[in-house]
Amino acid sequence: MPHAELILTGGPVFTGTGEPLNDTAVLVSGGRITGLVPAAEAQEHAGPDTRVVDLQGALLSPAFQDAHMHPMGAGVEMLQCDLSGAGSAEETLELIAAYARAYPEREWILGGGWSMEHFPGGTPTRQLLDELLGERPVILTNRDHHGAWASTEAMRRAGVDASTQDPADGRIEREAGGFPAGTFHEGAEHLFPGVRPGISDDFALAGLHAAQEALLAQGITGWQDAWVGVGMSGISDIDAIYRRAAAEGSLKVHVRGALWWERDRGMEQVEEMIARRASAAQHAPNYVPGTVKIMVDGVAENHTAAMLTPYHDHSGHATQNAGLTFVESALLKEAVTALDAAGFQVHFHALGDRAVRESLDALEAARAANGPSANRHHLAHLQMVDEADSARFAELGAAANIQALWACHEEQLDVLTLPFLRDGAEARHYPFGELRDRGARLVAGSDWPVSTADPLQALHIAVNRTAPGREDTPLGGEAQRLTVAEFMAAYTSGSAWINHRDDETGSLAAGYLADLAVISPNPFALPAEELHTARVASTWIQGECVYDAAEAASGAAVTTADGAT
């Protein structure tokens, strides 16, 4: 019997579903798991060159996979004016000023990550930037990437003024005289491409590398990029950067790319996407653009999420605004039917209950035309789902792609969203438990950089439906809580399934790749209110340690799977 190259023992083992196994050791050779054996027998599989890792009670889990994120844009913003760490409007302005001082040679101030709840009405003004930076042009995307904040000089250069009309898919906040106030929602944030500096391919690649290292430190070894197209953070072609990274060997993880459906174009995109997918298959085995992302609606905090009932005004009266749908219903059905027939997975941004319904209607039309498929379509975000639609996920084979970190009371929800929705809307928010009970397959993602990519912070809220340290009532009620096992499964075997990687990742079983995360303390043993204290202690790709928290804290270099340091 050949000896194992690596043995991990001394802690519970989560295999990707159910409760962890105790008294179990995991054997690894050639980058793959060769067996799970009783811990007492582990030494029988050790040779003189075997590395034995004592987990010291930590949980061994399949590495996490994120089913919806934007890591290249996140990485670029990390290298620009990064406002994601600000806790107030004052801190946001301090970070902008510090960045401007640090990079006087950069004509434009670009970046993002500001939070709507830090500014009255969620809409910061141009004057704040003008007073801080004078005539230096500034464009800063907000944290959810559904709006931007611009200075007067940026508007002047773009020719944006009181005469500029709102685009069909967006809205400009305006001052009393009609001049843009400084905040541009949805499609209105794209009024600046003619003057805003682009991102070089080298800078975009550096952003991808920065994001990859940040994600490995959180136990994430694979993801679905939910915007592979033009425009995210000014990147010209995200698909091309992934291909370059894969060809150079610097892409350590596996990525499923969701090709961006351009909402101002039509069915001609299908053939273009087929060609792009075929081209990538020849050159980048760990990058597969086999998905198409369709943004059906906006977000609730700026009243562009598509709802079945209109938003209320500040006085609580119903308005004529029920949000925006970016792809007309008939075209959505036609596009989804054609993409399904072509073997694409469709990834819907569906946040409001009307957007959810129209997405499910499109999948129903595709199934009627094509029959059941193995394409594994999924709807992401699901802030509101009408009760009549919950059972349709299982009926149509559609997965629920959940961003659990949002499923709690917090300022943006309580101040900018709930007061403007219909009575009883709070009970329909992020109905994870209901979807589970009605047979929907749950997969998990973060939408980073909209919020942290850390799966363990999301775990805390999925289980508690409250943020750490807060005593709010659980958002949506107790019935919407998930168990630790259910959420861990969604972020491992569930997301591996949605990424078409479940044949060799997402589970701990013989023959699977040894893509692993070690988590301490063991979240299965923690009280629910302490789940947020769990951290990733180490991350492994094919049996090689690519992140070690203890070494990172000491400043020691970690040798990665490709031999770099």
Protein backbone atom coordinates (compact mmCIF):
# COMPACT_ATOMS: atom_id res chain seq x y z
CA MET A 1 0.00 0.00 0.00
CA PRO A 2 1.58 3.33 -1.06
CA HIS A 3 2.07 5.94 1.61
CA ALA A 4 0.09 9.17 1.57
CA GLU A 5 1.96 12.36 0.75
CA LEU A 6 -0.21 14.36 3.18
CA ILE A 7 -2.38 13.37 6.12
CA LEU A 8 -4.70 15.80 7.90
CA THR A 9 -5.98 14.57 11.24
CA GLY A 10 -6.95 15.74 14.71
CA GLY A 11 -10.16 17.62 13.92
CA PRO A 12 -13.71 17.11 12.66
CA VAL A 13 -14.15 16.67 8.89
CA PHE A 14 -17.01 18.35 7.01
CA THR A 15 -17.39 16.43 3.77
CA GLY A 16 -19.58 19.01 1.99
CA THR A 17 -22.98 17.93 3.35
CA GLY A 18 -24.44 16.95 6.71
CA GLU A 19 -22.72 17.01 10.06
CA PRO A 20 -18.93 16.65 10.35
CA LEU A 21 -17.24 13.29 10.81
CA ASN A 22 -15.28 12.79 14.00
CA ASP A 23 -12.16 10.68 14.51
CA THR A 24 -11.42 10.77 10.79
CA ALA A 25 -8.19 11.44 8.89
CA VAL A 26 -7.97 12.61 5.28
CA LEU A 27 -5.27 11.16 3.03
CA VAL A 28 -3.87 13.07 0.06
CA SER A 29 -1.50 12.09 -2.75
CA GLY A 30 -0.93 13.56 -6.19
CA GLY A 31 -3.09 16.56 -5.35
CA ARG A 32 -6.18 14.43 -4.73
CA ILE A 33 -7.88 12.85 -1.76
CA THR A 34 -7.09 9.16 -1.71
CA GLY A 35 -9.24 8.23 1.25
CA LEU A 36 -10.92 9.05 4.54
CA VAL A 37 -9.88 6.60 7.25
CA PRO A 38 -10.35 6.28 11.02
CA ALA A 39 -7.92 8.60 12.75
CA ALA A 40 -6.52 5.69 14.69
CA GLU A 41 -5.36 4.12 11.40
CA ALA A 42 -3.79 7.29 9.96
CA GLN A 43 -0.26 6.34 10.98
CA GLU A 44 -0.49 3.16 8.93
CA HIS A 45 -0.60 5.35 5.80
CA ALA A 46 2.39 7.51 6.76
CA GLY A 47 5.87 7.05 5.34
CA PRO A 48 9.16 8.80 6.04
CA ASP A 49 8.28 11.65 3.65
CA THR A 50 4.60 12.01 4.59
CA ARG A 51 3.57 15.41 5.89
CA VAL A 52 1.17 15.03 8.81
CA VAL A 53 -0.91 18.09 9.74
CA ASP A 54 -2.42 18.16 13.22
CA LEU A 55 -5.65 20.14 12.95
CA GLN A 56 -5.71 20.69 16.74
CA GLY A 57 -9.49 20.56 16.82
CA ALA A 58 -10.05 22.87 13.84
CA LEU A 59 -12.61 21.93 11.19
CA LEU A 60 -11.38 20.51 7.89
CA SER A 61 -13.75 21.46 5.08
CA PRO A 62 -13.81 21.56 1.30
CA ALA A 63 -12.52 24.97 0.25
CA PHE A 64 -15.24 27.52 -0.32
CA GLN A 65 -16.48 28.42 -3.78
CA ASP A 66 -18.24 31.71 -4.37
CA ALA A 67 -21.21 31.58 -6.74
CA HIS A 68 -21.45 35.33 -7.40
CA MET A 69 -18.67 37.87 -7.11
CA HIS A 70 -16.68 40.49 -9.03
CA PRO A 71 -13.08 39.90 -7.96
CA MET A 72 -11.27 41.68 -10.78
CA GLY A 73 -13.22 44.87 -10.19
CA ALA A 74 -12.67 44.45 -6.45
CA GLY A 75 -8.94 44.05 -6.93
CA VAL A 76 -8.72 47.11 -9.15
CA GLU A 77 -10.56 49.15 -6.53
CA MET A 78 -8.19 47.85 -3.85
CA LEU A 79 -5.38 49.43 -5.89
CA GLN A 80 -7.30 52.69 -6.42
CA CYS A 81 -9.15 54.94 -3.96
CA ASP A 82 -10.62 52.18 -1.79
CA LEU A 83 -13.43 53.47 0.42
CA SER A 84 -14.77 50.11 1.59
CA GLY A 85 -13.25 50.49 5.05
CA ALA A 86 -14.94 53.81 5.86
CA GLY A 87 -17.46 53.80 8.71
CA SER A 88 -18.94 57.26 8.12
CA ALA A 89 -19.13 60.13 5.66
CA GLU A 90 -16.27 61.82 7.50
CA GLU A 91 -14.04 58.76 7.19
CA THR A 92 -14.96 58.47 3.51
CA LEU A 93 -13.82 62.04 2.85
CA GLU A 94 -10.64 61.49 4.86
CA LEU A 95 -9.78 58.45 2.72
CA ILE A 96 -10.38 60.40 -0.49
CA ALA A 97 -8.16 63.25 0.70
CA ALA A 98 -5.41 60.85 1.78
CA TYR A 99 -5.48 59.08 -1.58
CA ALA A 100 -5.29 62.40 -3.44
CA ARG A 101 -2.24 63.41 -1.40
CA ALA A 102 -0.57 60.03 -1.94
CA TYR A 103 -1.02 60.09 -5.73
CA PRO A 104 -0.67 63.70 -6.91
CA GLU A 105 0.42 62.45 -10.34
CA ARG A 106 -2.93 60.76 -10.99
CA GLU A 107 -5.08 63.37 -12.69
CA TRP A 108 -8.36 61.58 -11.96
CA ILE A 109 -9.45 60.18 -8.60
CA LEU A 110 -11.06 56.81 -9.36
CA GLY A 111 -12.17 53.99 -7.11
CA GLY A 112 -15.18 53.05 -5.06
CA GLY A 113 -16.70 51.39 -2.05
CA TRP A 114 -18.60 54.25 -0.40
CA SER A 115 -21.76 53.33 1.49
CA MET A 116 -25.09 54.97 0.74
CA GLU A 117 -26.19 54.94 4.37
CA HIS A 118 -23.37 57.35 5.28
CA PHE A 119 -24.98 60.20 3.29
CA PRO A 120 -28.44 61.80 3.59
CA GLY A 121 -30.82 59.95 1.32
CA GLY A 122 -27.93 57.80 0.14
CA THR A 123 -26.87 60.53 -2.30
CA PRO A 124 -23.58 62.41 -1.67
CA THR A 125 -23.20 65.72 -3.48
CA ARG A 126 -20.69 67.10 -5.94
CA GLN A 127 -19.92 69.96 -3.55
CA LEU A 128 -18.36 67.58 -1.04
CA LEU A 129 -15.80 66.53 -3.66
CA ASP A 130 -15.32 70.04 -5.03
CA GLU A 131 -14.54 71.47 -1.59
CA LEU A 132 -12.09 68.65 -0.92
CA LEU A 133 -10.26 68.49 -4.26
CA GLY A 134 -11.04 71.65 -6.17
CA GLU A 135 -11.05 71.10 -9.93
CA ARG A 136 -9.61 67.59 -9.83
CA PRO A 137 -12.05 65.22 -11.60
CA VAL A 138 -13.48 62.45 -9.43
CA ILE A 139 -15.71 59.43 -10.10
CA LEU A 140 -16.27 56.97 -7.26
CA THR A 141 -18.57 53.94 -7.52
CA ASN A 142 -20.69 53.09 -4.51
CA ARG A 143 -20.36 49.82 -2.67
CA ASP A 144 -23.19 48.07 -4.49
CA HIS A 145 -21.95 49.32 -7.90
CA HIS A 146 -25.40 50.56 -8.83
CA GLY A 147 -24.43 54.20 -8.60
CA ALA A 148 -21.55 56.65 -8.80
CA TRP A 149 -20.53 59.92 -7.17
CA ALA A 150 -18.94 62.54 -9.40
CA SER A 151 -17.36 65.94 -8.99
CA THR A 152 -18.36 69.03 -10.95
CA GLU A 153 -15.16 68.86 -13.00
CA ALA A 154 -15.89 65.27 -14.03
CA MET A 155 -19.35 66.36 -15.19
CA ARG A 156 -17.92 69.35 -17.08
CA ARG A 157 -15.48 67.15 -18.97
CA ALA A 158 -18.26 64.71 -19.88
CA GLY A 159 -20.64 67.48 -20.95
CA VAL A 160 -23.14 66.48 -18.28
CA ASP A 161 -25.32 69.39 -17.11
CA ALA A 162 -28.91 70.38 -16.43
CA SER A 163 -29.88 69.56 -20.01
CA THR A 164 -28.67 65.97 -19.77
CA GLN A 165 -31.63 63.61 -19.83
CA ASP A 166 -31.99 60.60 -17.56
CA PRO A 167 -31.14 57.45 -19.53
CA ALA A 168 -33.87 54.85 -19.90
CA ASP A 169 -32.09 52.54 -17.46
CA GLY A 170 -31.04 55.07 -14.82
CA ARG A 171 -31.62 58.28 -12.92
CA ILE A 172 -29.63 61.43 -12.16
CA GLU A 173 -30.09 63.02 -8.74
CA ARG A 174 -30.69 66.73 -9.35
CA GLU A 175 -30.51 70.03 -7.53
CA ALA A 176 -33.49 72.39 -7.42
CA GLY A 177 -32.48 74.02 -10.71
CA GLY A 178 -32.05 70.66 -12.50
CA PHE A 179 -28.25 70.51 -12.45
CA PRO A 180 -26.89 67.06 -11.49
CA ALA A 181 -26.39 66.91 -7.73
CA GLY A 182 -23.50 64.45 -7.86
CA THR A 183 -25.06 60.98 -7.58
CA PHE A 184 -25.83 58.93 -10.70
CA HIS A 185 -27.94 55.76 -10.40
CA GLU A 186 -27.75 52.63 -12.56
CA GLY A 187 -27.32 53.45 -16.28
CA ALA A 188 -26.71 57.12 -15.47
CA GLU A 189 -23.30 56.23 -14.04
CA HIS A 190 -22.22 55.34 -17.58
CA LEU A 191 -22.41 58.94 -18.82
CA PHE A 192 -18.65 59.40 -18.36
CA PRO A 193 -16.86 56.77 -20.50
CA GLY A 194 -15.69 59.28 -23.08
CA VAL A 195 -13.55 61.15 -20.55
CA ARG A 196 -12.98 58.72 -17.69
CA PRO A 197 -9.53 57.09 -17.98
CA GLY A 198 -9.60 53.40 -18.77
CA ILE A 199 -7.81 50.68 -16.85
CA SER A 200 -4.77 49.20 -18.57
CA ASP A 201 -4.63 45.44 -19.00
CA ASP A 202 -1.55 45.29 -16.77
CA PHE A 203 -3.37 47.17 -14.00
CA ALA A 204 -6.39 44.90 -14.36
CA LEU A 205 -4.15 41.83 -14.10
CA ALA A 206 -2.55 43.27 -10.96
CA GLY A 207 -6.06 43.75 -9.58
CA LEU A 208 -6.91 40.11 -10.29
CA HIS A 209 -3.75 38.97 -8.50
CA ALA A 210 -4.54 41.17 -5.48
CA ALA A 211 -8.08 39.82 -5.34
CA GLN A 212 -6.91 36.23 -5.66
CA GLU A 213 -4.58 36.54 -2.67
CA ALA A 214 -7.32 38.17 -0.59
CA LEU A 215 -9.75 35.36 -1.47
CA LEU A 216 -7.28 32.57 -0.76
CA ALA A 217 -6.92 34.04 2.73
CA GLN A 218 -10.66 33.50 3.16
CA GLY A 219 -10.60 29.87 2.08
CA ILE A 220 -11.97 30.53 -1.43
CA THR A 221 -10.39 28.54 -4.26
CA GLY A 222 -13.01 28.96 -6.97
CA TRP A 223 -15.68 31.39 -7.99
CA GLN A 224 -18.17 32.49 -10.58
CA ASP A 225 -17.37 35.97 -11.87
CA ALA A 226 -20.78 37.55 -12.39
CA TRP A 227 -19.67 40.29 -14.79
CA VAL A 228 -17.32 39.16 -17.54
CA GLY A 229 -17.69 42.00 -19.97
CA VAL A 230 -16.79 45.62 -20.55
CA GLY A 231 -17.14 48.39 -17.99
CA MET A 232 -16.66 46.85 -14.53
CA SER A 233 -14.39 49.37 -12.77
CA GLY A 234 -13.25 50.63 -16.18
CA ILE A 235 -11.73 47.29 -17.27
CA SER A 236 -11.88 46.92 -21.05
CA ASP A 237 -12.22 43.12 -21.31
CA ILE A 238 -12.40 40.95 -18.19
CA ASP A 239 -12.54 37.78 -20.28
CA ALA A 240 -9.18 38.62 -21.92
CA ILE A 241 -7.51 39.23 -18.53
CA TYR A 242 -8.67 35.85 -17.21
CA ARG A 243 -7.32 34.15 -20.32
CA ARG A 244 -4.01 35.93 -19.92
CA ALA A 245 -3.73 34.93 -16.25
CA ALA A 246 -4.58 31.32 -17.08
CA ALA A 247 -2.05 31.22 -19.92
CA GLU A 248 0.69 32.72 -17.72
CA GLY A 249 -0.08 30.26 -14.90
CA SER A 250 -0.86 32.98 -12.39
CA LEU A 251 -4.53 32.00 -12.08
CA LYS A 252 -4.29 29.51 -9.20
CA VAL A 253 -8.03 28.95 -8.81
CA HIS A 254 -10.85 27.78 -11.06
CA VAL A 255 -13.15 30.48 -12.44
CA ARG A 256 -16.46 30.17 -14.21
CA GLY A 257 -17.09 33.34 -16.16
CA ALA A 258 -20.56 34.77 -16.61
CA LEU A 259 -20.48 36.64 -19.93
CA TRP A 260 -22.29 39.96 -19.59
CA TRP A 261 -25.57 40.36 -21.50
CA GLU A 262 -25.60 43.93 -22.76
CA ARG A 263 -29.08 45.21 -22.10
CA ASP A 264 -29.03 47.75 -24.93
CA ARG A 265 -28.39 45.01 -27.50
CA GLY A 266 -30.37 42.00 -28.65
CA MET A 267 -30.22 38.40 -29.82
CA GLU A 268 -27.11 38.91 -31.94
CA GLN A 269 -25.15 38.47 -28.70
CA VAL A 270 -25.90 34.74 -28.52
CA GLU A 271 -23.65 33.76 -31.43
CA GLU A 272 -20.90 36.06 -30.14
CA MET A 273 -21.02 34.31 -26.77
CA ILE A 274 -20.93 30.88 -28.35
CA ALA A 275 -17.76 31.87 -30.22
CA ARG A 276 -16.12 33.32 -27.13
CA ARG A 277 -16.89 30.19 -25.10
CA ALA A 278 -15.44 27.95 -27.81
CA SER A 279 -12.27 30.02 -28.02
CA ALA A 280 -11.66 29.92 -24.28
CA ALA A 281 -12.08 26.16 -24.16
CA GLN A 282 -8.97 25.77 -26.30
CA HIS A 283 -6.67 27.86 -24.13
CA ALA A 284 -7.71 28.12 -20.47
CA PRO A 285 -8.72 24.90 -18.71
CA ASN A 286 -9.25 26.61 -15.35
CA TYR A 287 -11.25 29.47 -16.83
CA VAL A 288 -14.59 28.53 -18.41
CA PRO A 289 -16.92 31.29 -19.71
CA GLY A 290 -19.90 28.94 -19.87
CA THR A 291 -22.45 31.20 -18.22
CA VAL A 292 -24.37 34.30 -19.31
CA LYS A 293 -25.25 36.95 -16.73
CA ILE A 294 -28.48 38.89 -17.28
CA MET A 295 -29.19 41.82 -15.00
CA VAL A 296 -32.96 41.87 -14.83
CA ASP A 297 -33.40 44.79 -12.40
CA GLY A 298 -31.59 47.21 -10.10
CA VAL A 299 -31.45 47.50 -6.31
CA ALA A 300 -34.04 48.41 -3.71
CA GLU A 301 -32.12 51.14 -1.92
CA ASN A 302 -32.26 53.42 -4.97
CA HIS A 303 -35.76 52.20 -5.91
CA THR A 304 -34.73 50.48 -9.14
CA ALA A 305 -35.33 46.86 -8.06
CA ALA A 306 -38.39 45.61 -9.94
CA MET A 307 -41.28 45.11 -7.51
CA LEU A 308 -44.79 43.74 -7.90
CA THR A 309 -46.11 46.77 -5.98
CA PRO A 310 -44.92 50.39 -6.28
CA TYR A 311 -42.49 52.03 -3.91
CA HIS A 312 -43.83 54.49 -1.34
CA ASP A 313 -42.73 58.10 -1.01
CA HIS A 314 -41.36 59.71 2.15
CA SER A 315 -44.93 60.17 3.42
CA GLY A 316 -45.80 56.50 3.00
CA HIS A 317 -48.01 56.97 -0.06
CA ALA A 318 -47.71 54.72 -3.09
CA THR A 319 -45.93 56.20 -6.10
CA GLN A 320 -46.01 55.27 -9.79
CA ASN A 321 -42.51 53.73 -9.54
CA ALA A 322 -42.30 49.95 -9.29
CA GLY A 323 -38.63 49.82 -10.25
CA LEU A 324 -36.84 49.06 -13.50
CA THR A 325 -36.59 45.94 -15.60
CA PHE A 326 -33.55 46.22 -17.85
CA VAL A 327 -34.56 43.47 -20.29
CA GLU A 328 -38.13 43.52 -21.57
CA SER A 329 -40.06 40.37 -20.66
CA ALA A 330 -40.55 39.03 -24.21
CA LEU A 331 -36.86 39.53 -25.07
CA LEU A 332 -35.86 37.93 -21.78
CA LYS A 333 -37.83 34.80 -22.64
CA GLU A 334 -36.40 34.69 -26.16
CA ALA A 335 -32.83 35.20 -24.95
CA VAL A 336 -33.02 32.63 -22.15
CA THR A 337 -34.59 30.06 -24.48
CA ALA A 338 -31.80 30.54 -27.04
CA LEU A 339 -29.03 30.51 -24.43
CA ASP A 340 -30.44 27.37 -22.83
CA ALA A 341 -30.61 25.66 -26.21
CA ALA A 342 -26.97 26.62 -26.80
CA GLY A 343 -25.92 24.96 -23.54
CA PHE A 344 -25.30 28.12 -21.52
CA GLN A 345 -26.07 28.44 -17.87
CA VAL A 346 -28.06 31.63 -17.23
CA HIS A 347 -27.22 33.65 -14.13
CA PHE A 348 -29.94 36.19 -13.31
CA HIS A 349 -29.56 39.29 -11.17
CA ALA A 350 -33.09 39.21 -9.74
CA LEU A 351 -33.52 41.29 -6.61
CA GLY A 352 -37.15 42.45 -6.54
CA ASP A 353 -40.13 40.09 -6.51
CA ARG A 354 -41.21 41.16 -10.01
CA ALA A 355 -37.72 40.48 -11.36
CA VAL A 356 -37.75 37.06 -9.70
CA ARG A 357 -41.09 36.25 -11.30
CA GLU A 358 -40.02 37.41 -14.77
CA SER A 359 -36.80 35.38 -14.51
CA LEU A 360 -38.71 32.26 -13.54
CA ASP A 361 -41.19 32.92 -16.37
CA ALA A 362 -38.24 33.04 -18.79
CA LEU A 363 -36.94 29.72 -17.49
CA GLU A 364 -40.42 28.24 -17.81
CA ALA A 365 -40.53 29.38 -21.45
CA ALA A 366 -37.10 27.85 -22.09
CA ARG A 367 -38.16 24.54 -20.56
CA ALA A 368 -41.36 24.49 -22.62
CA ALA A 369 -39.31 25.02 -25.79
CA ASN A 370 -36.22 22.92 -25.04
CA GLY A 371 -37.25 20.45 -22.36
CA PRO A 372 -35.36 20.03 -19.06
CA SER A 373 -31.66 20.84 -19.30
CA ALA A 374 -28.49 20.21 -17.32
CA ASN A 375 -27.42 23.86 -17.56
CA ARG A 376 -27.99 24.68 -13.86
CA HIS A 377 -29.58 28.10 -14.15
CA HIS A 378 -29.69 30.27 -11.04
CA LEU A 379 -31.19 33.47 -9.65
CA ALA A 380 -28.99 35.66 -7.47
CA HIS A 381 -29.81 38.08 -4.65
CA LEU A 382 -33.53 37.34 -4.09
CA GLN A 383 -34.15 40.22 -1.72
CA MET A 384 -37.88 39.77 -2.15
CA VAL A 385 -39.61 36.64 -3.45
CA ASP A 386 -43.36 36.40 -3.66
CA GLU A 387 -44.72 33.37 -1.84
CA ALA A 388 -46.39 32.16 -5.03
CA ASP A 389 -42.98 31.86 -6.68
CA SER A 390 -41.00 30.03 -3.97
CA ALA A 391 -41.94 26.53 -5.13
CA ARG A 392 -41.19 27.35 -8.77
CA PHE A 393 -37.43 27.19 -8.18
CA ALA A 394 -37.55 23.43 -7.58
CA GLU A 395 -40.18 22.90 -10.29
CA LEU A 396 -37.95 24.60 -12.88
CA GLY A 397 -34.62 23.27 -11.60
CA ALA A 398 -33.46 26.79 -10.77
CA ALA A 399 -30.99 27.28 -7.93
CA ALA A 400 -31.31 30.05 -5.35
CA ASN A 401 -27.99 31.92 -5.28
CA ILE A 402 -28.00 33.58 -1.86
CA GLN A 403 -25.96 36.47 -0.44
CA ALA A 404 -26.57 35.77 3.23
CA LEU A 405 -24.58 38.70 4.62
CA TRP A 406 -27.44 41.01 3.61
CA ALA A 407 -30.16 39.03 5.40
CA CYS A 408 -30.29 41.14 8.57
CA HIS A 409 -31.44 44.52 9.78
CA GLU A 410 -28.83 47.19 9.04
CA GLU A 411 -28.91 50.90 8.28
CA GLN A 412 -29.12 50.72 4.50
CA LEU A 413 -32.09 48.35 4.71
CA ASP A 414 -33.85 50.01 7.62
CA VAL A 415 -33.39 53.63 6.50
CA LEU A 416 -33.17 53.56 2.71
CA THR A 417 -35.29 50.54 1.79
CA LEU A 418 -37.95 49.17 4.13
CA PRO A 419 -39.74 52.52 4.73
CA PHE A 420 -40.38 52.77 0.98
CA LEU A 421 -41.73 49.25 0.39
CA ARG A 422 -45.26 47.93 0.77
CA ASP A 423 -46.62 46.88 4.13
CA GLY A 424 -45.43 43.40 5.07
CA ALA A 425 -42.35 43.54 2.82
CA GLU A 426 -39.96 42.81 5.70
CA ALA A 427 -41.40 39.31 6.06
CA ARG A 428 -40.60 38.54 2.40
CA HIS A 429 -36.91 39.51 2.62
CA TYR A 430 -34.31 36.90 1.71
CA PRO A 431 -36.62 33.91 2.36
CA PHE A 432 -33.87 31.29 2.50
CA GLY A 433 -35.71 28.96 4.85
CA GLU A 434 -38.84 29.05 2.74
CA LEU A 435 -36.89 28.32 -0.42
CA ARG A 436 -35.14 25.41 1.31
CA ASP A 437 -38.44 24.03 2.60
CA ARG A 438 -39.93 24.16 -0.89
CA GLY A 439 -37.09 22.20 -2.41
CA ALA A 440 -34.87 24.87 -3.95
CA ARG A 441 -31.18 24.07 -4.22
CA LEU A 442 -29.18 26.67 -2.26
CA VAL A 443 -25.83 27.96 -3.49
CA ALA A 444 -23.92 30.83 -1.93
CA GLY A 445 -21.94 33.86 -2.98
CA SER A 446 -20.90 37.23 -1.62
CA ASP A 447 -21.20 39.78 -4.45
CA TRP A 448 -17.79 41.08 -3.33
CA PRO A 449 -16.87 43.97 -3.39
CA VAL A 450 -20.47 44.97 -2.62
CA SER A 451 -19.81 43.33 0.75
CA THR A 452 -17.06 41.22 2.28
CA ALA A 453 -16.16 37.98 0.55
CA ASP A 454 -15.70 36.22 3.92
CA PRO A 455 -18.01 33.16 3.97
CA LEU A 456 -17.76 32.88 7.75
CA GLN A 457 -19.19 36.34 8.32
CA ALA A 458 -22.05 35.38 6.02
CA LEU A 459 -22.46 32.12 7.97
CA HIS A 460 -23.15 34.08 11.15
CA ILE A 461 -26.03 35.98 9.53
CA ALA A 462 -27.44 32.99 7.65
CA VAL A 463 -27.83 31.17 10.97
CA ASN A 464 -28.85 34.11 13.18
CA ARG A 465 -30.49 36.53 10.71
CA THR A 466 -28.94 39.29 12.82
CA ALA A 467 -25.55 40.99 12.64
CA PRO A 468 -22.92 40.24 15.30
CA GLY A 469 -23.45 42.18 18.49
CA ARG A 470 -26.94 43.38 17.58
CA GLU A 471 -30.19 42.36 19.23
CA ASP A 472 -32.56 42.98 16.34
CA THR A 473 -35.40 40.63 15.61
CA PRO A 474 -34.34 38.11 12.93
CA LEU A 475 -35.01 39.58 9.48
CA GLY A 476 -37.95 37.78 7.93
CA GLY A 477 -38.58 35.73 11.05
CA GLU A 478 -37.08 32.66 12.72
CA ALA A 479 -38.26 30.35 9.94
CA GLN A 480 -35.78 31.88 7.48
CA ARG A 481 -32.72 30.77 9.45
CA LEU A 482 -30.42 28.12 8.02
CA THR A 483 -28.33 25.65 9.99
CA VAL A 484 -24.55 25.69 9.97
CA ALA A 485 -24.54 22.48 7.93
CA GLU A 486 -26.99 23.88 5.35
CA PHE A 487 -25.02 27.06 4.81
CA MET A 488 -21.64 25.32 4.72
CA ALA A 489 -23.06 22.96 2.10
CA ALA A 490 -24.34 25.89 0.03
CA TYR A 491 -20.85 27.47 0.03
CA THR A 492 -18.98 24.25 -0.78
CA SER A 493 -20.78 21.42 -2.56
CA GLY A 494 -23.64 23.72 -3.60
CA SER A 495 -21.46 26.31 -5.29
CA ALA A 496 -19.26 23.58 -6.78
CA TRP A 497 -22.43 22.21 -8.38
CA ILE A 498 -23.49 25.58 -9.76
CA ASN A 499 -19.97 26.11 -11.15
CA HIS A 500 -20.08 22.67 -12.86
CA ARG A 501 -17.15 21.57 -10.68
CA ASP A 502 -18.95 19.10 -8.43
CA ASP A 503 -17.30 16.12 -10.10
CA GLU A 504 -13.98 16.89 -8.40
CA THR A 505 -14.42 19.80 -5.95
CA GLY A 506 -16.79 20.88 -3.20
CA SER A 507 -16.68 17.57 -1.32
CA LEU A 508 -14.16 15.56 0.65
CA ALA A 509 -14.17 12.12 -0.92
CA ALA A 510 -11.71 9.78 -2.60
CA GLY A 511 -10.76 11.04 -6.05
CA TYR A 512 -11.64 14.67 -5.39
CA LEU A 513 -9.06 17.44 -5.57
CA ALA A 514 -7.53 18.28 -2.21
CA ASP A 515 -8.86 21.86 -2.25
CA LEU A 516 -9.34 22.43 1.45
CA ALA A 517 -10.02 25.03 4.13
CA VAL A 518 -9.10 24.65 7.79
CA ILE A 519 -11.41 26.69 10.02
CA SER A 520 -10.83 27.57 13.67
CA PRO A 521 -12.67 27.50 15.98
CA ASN A 522 -14.85 24.75 14.55
CA PRO A 523 -18.11 26.57 13.66
CA PHE A 524 -20.19 23.46 14.30
CA ALA A 525 -19.13 23.62 17.95
CA LEU A 526 -19.69 27.36 18.47
CA PRO A 527 -22.80 28.96 19.96
CA ALA A 528 -24.77 30.65 17.18
CA GLU A 529 -24.00 34.13 18.51
CA GLU A 530 -20.25 33.44 18.25
CA LEU A 531 -20.11 32.13 14.69
CA HIS A 532 -18.52 35.36 13.47
CA THR A 533 -15.39 34.52 15.51
CA ALA A 534 -14.47 31.60 13.23
CA ARG A 535 -11.57 32.24 10.86
CA VAL A 536 -9.80 30.40 8.06
CA ALA A 537 -6.52 29.07 9.45
CA SER A 538 -5.19 27.70 6.17
CA THR A 539 -6.19 27.16 2.54
CA TRP A 540 -4.98 24.33 0.29
CA ILE A 541 -5.08 23.80 -3.47
CA GLN A 542 -4.43 20.25 -4.66
CA GLY A 543 -2.72 19.39 -1.40
CA GLU A 544 -0.43 22.45 -1.36
CA CYS A 545 -0.83 25.12 1.32
CA VAL A 546 -1.44 28.45 -0.43
CA TYR A 547 -2.37 30.42 2.70
CA ASP A 548 -1.43 29.99 6.33
CA ALA A 549 -2.85 32.52 8.80
CA ALA A 550 -0.08 32.01 11.34
CA GLU A 551 2.63 32.58 8.74
CA ALA A 552 0.76 35.56 7.29
CA ALA A 553 0.51 37.13 10.75
CA SER A 554 4.25 36.68 11.29
CA GLY A 555 5.05 38.16 7.90
CA ALA A 556 6.59 34.94 6.59
CA ALA A 557 6.27 34.16 2.90
CA VAL A 558 3.97 31.32 1.90
CA THR A 559 4.94 29.16 -1.05
CA THR A 560 1.99 28.88 -3.40
CA ALA A 561 0.85 26.07 -5.63
CA ASP A 562 2.68 27.46 -8.66
CA GLY A 563 5.96 27.78 -6.79
CA ALA A 564 5.78 31.56 -6.36
CA THR A 565 6.25 33.23 -2.99
